[in-house]
Amino acid sequence: MEAVFKSLDKRVGRIEQILPTLATKEDLRQLATKDELHGLEERLRTHFDVVTESVRDDIQWIADGLTALSHRVSAR
């Protein structure tokens, strides 16, 4: 029986360490709503679309430069 109490005491001790880190109802109320998250998602998609387009433009610019350089080397 003493071993059961020691085991239980250890488990309760671990629970007591975890409890302060758990979110309270008030913490959860302060989180973003679903509508706010959807708005953020839409802004992130737009941002990454712009970034992707910029990277594509940069790659195209490099490819055009490489093509021009290749033609100059071939012409020699």
C-alpha atoms as a PDB file:
ATOM      1  CA  MET A   1       0.000   0.000   0.000  1.00  0.00           C
ATOM      2  CA  GLU A   2       2.903   2.321   0.754  1.00  0.00           C
ATOM      3  CA  ALA A   3       4.268   1.794  -2.749  1.00  0.00           C
ATOM      4  CA  VAL A   4       0.889   2.834  -4.207  1.00  0.00           C
ATOM      5  CA  PHE A   5       0.945   6.047  -2.162  1.00  0.00           C
ATOM      6  CA  LYS A   6       4.508   6.840  -3.253  1.00  0.00           C
ATOM      7  CA  SER A   7       3.584   6.262  -6.886  1.00  0.00           C
ATOM      8  CA  LEU A   8       0.490   8.420  -6.502  1.00  0.00           C
ATOM      9  CA  ASP A   9       2.546  11.139  -4.806  1.00  0.00           C
ATOM     10  CA  LYS A  10       5.010  11.164  -7.717  1.00  0.00           C
ATOM     11  CA  ARG A  11       2.178  11.398 -10.237  1.00  0.00           C
ATOM     12  CA  VAL A  12       0.531  14.254  -8.360  1.00  0.00           C
ATOM     13  CA  GLY A  13       3.898  16.023  -8.207  1.00  0.00           C
ATOM     14  CA  ARG A  14       4.229  15.812 -11.994  1.00  0.00           C
ATOM     15  CA  ILE A  15       0.686  17.085 -12.442  1.00  0.00           C
ATOM     16  CA  GLU A  16       1.424  20.038 -10.129  1.00  0.00           C
ATOM     17  CA  GLN A  17       4.412  20.938 -12.338  1.00  0.00           C
ATOM     18  CA  ILE A  18       2.308  20.872 -15.496  1.00  0.00           C
ATOM     19  CA  LEU A  19      -0.749  22.741 -14.203  1.00  0.00           C
ATOM     20  CA  PRO A  20       0.766  26.255 -14.258  1.00  0.00           C
ATOM     21  CA  THR A  21       1.612  25.865 -17.957  1.00  0.00           C
ATOM     22  CA  LEU A  22      -1.931  25.000 -19.074  1.00  0.00           C
ATOM     23  CA  ALA A  23      -4.142  27.642 -20.675  1.00  0.00           C
ATOM     24  CA  THR A  24      -7.034  29.016 -18.666  1.00  0.00           C
ATOM     25  CA  LYS A  25     -10.451  29.896 -20.087  1.00  0.00           C
ATOM     26  CA  GLU A  26      -9.378  33.545 -20.083  1.00  0.00           C
ATOM     27  CA  ASP A  27      -6.210  32.664 -22.025  1.00  0.00           C
ATOM     28  CA  LEU A  28      -8.334  30.870 -24.610  1.00  0.00           C
ATOM     29  CA  ARG A  29     -10.722  33.831 -24.934  1.00  0.00           C
ATOM     30  CA  GLN A  30      -7.772  36.052 -25.844  1.00  0.00           C
ATOM     31  CA  LEU A  31      -6.761  33.851 -28.763  1.00  0.00           C
ATOM     32  CA  ALA A  32      -7.702  34.788 -32.293  1.00  0.00           C
ATOM     33  CA  THR A  33     -11.161  33.910 -33.545  1.00  0.00           C
ATOM     34  CA  LYS A  34     -11.694  31.681 -36.566  1.00  0.00           C
ATOM     35  CA  ASP A  35     -12.592  34.718 -38.684  1.00  0.00           C
ATOM     36  CA  GLU A  36      -9.360  36.442 -37.678  1.00  0.00           C
ATOM     37  CA  LEU A  37      -7.390  33.321 -38.564  1.00  0.00           C
ATOM     38  CA  HIS A  38      -9.091  33.081 -41.976  1.00  0.00           C
ATOM     39  CA  GLY A  39      -8.222  36.730 -42.628  1.00  0.00           C
ATOM     40  CA  LEU A  40      -4.619  36.062 -41.661  1.00  0.00           C
ATOM     41  CA  GLU A  41      -4.549  33.011 -43.915  1.00  0.00           C
ATOM     42  CA  GLU A  42      -5.767  35.091 -46.849  1.00  0.00           C
ATOM     43  CA  ARG A  43      -3.136  37.793 -46.240  1.00  0.00           C
ATOM     44  CA  LEU A  44      -0.400  35.148 -45.982  1.00  0.00           C
ATOM     45  CA  ARG A  45      -1.507  33.547 -49.257  1.00  0.00           C
ATOM     46  CA  THR A  46      -1.425  36.925 -50.990  1.00  0.00           C
ATOM     47  CA  HIS A  47       2.002  37.693 -49.543  1.00  0.00           C
ATOM     48  CA  PHE A  48       3.448  34.368 -50.633  1.00  0.00           C
ATOM     49  CA  ASP A  49       1.919  34.742 -54.089  1.00  0.00           C
ATOM     50  CA  VAL A  50       3.771  38.059 -54.412  1.00  0.00           C
ATOM     51  CA  VAL A  51       7.014  36.526 -53.109  1.00  0.00           C
ATOM     52  CA  THR A  52       6.683  33.558 -55.474  1.00  0.00           C
ATOM     53  CA  GLU A  53       6.120  35.862 -58.443  1.00  0.00           C
ATOM     54  CA  SER A  54       9.193  37.877 -57.448  1.00  0.00           C
ATOM     55  CA  VAL A  55      11.316  34.727 -57.263  1.00  0.00           C
ATOM     56  CA  ARG A  56      10.023  33.624 -60.668  1.00  0.00           C
ATOM     57  CA  ASP A  57      10.976  37.020 -62.100  1.00  0.00           C
ATOM     58  CA  ASP A  58      14.462  36.700 -60.596  1.00  0.00           C
ATOM     59  CA  ILE A  59      14.890  33.204 -62.043  1.00  0.00           C
ATOM     60  CA  GLN A  60      13.732  34.436 -65.452  1.00  0.00           C
ATOM     61  CA  TRP A  61      16.198  37.337 -65.258  1.00  0.00           C
ATOM     62  CA  ILE A  62      19.050  34.908 -64.451  1.00  0.00           C
ATOM     63  CA  ALA A  63      17.978  32.540 -67.245  1.00  0.00           C
ATOM     64  CA  ASP A  64      17.887  35.410 -69.752  1.00  0.00           C
ATOM     65  CA  GLY A  65      21.365  36.510 -68.674  1.00  0.00           C
ATOM     66  CA  LEU A  66      22.684  32.977 -68.953  1.00  0.00           C
ATOM     67  CA  THR A  67      21.182  32.633 -72.435  1.00  0.00           C
ATOM     68  CA  ALA A  68      22.769  35.909 -73.546  1.00  0.00           C
ATOM     69  CA  LEU A  69      26.132  34.858 -72.104  1.00  0.00           C
ATOM     70  CA  SER A  70      25.877  31.485 -73.802  1.00  0.00           C
ATOM     71  CA  HIS A  71      25.239  33.172 -77.170  1.00  0.00           C
ATOM     72  CA  ARG A  72      28.236  35.478 -76.661  1.00  0.00           C
ATOM     73  CA  VAL A  73      30.494  32.547 -75.831  1.00  0.00           C
ATOM     74  CA  SER A  74      29.211  30.563 -78.819  1.00  0.00           C
ATOM     75  CA  ALA A  75      29.817  33.538 -81.144  1.00  0.00           C
ATOM     76  CA  ARG A  76      33.530  33.622 -80.345  1.00  0.00           C
END
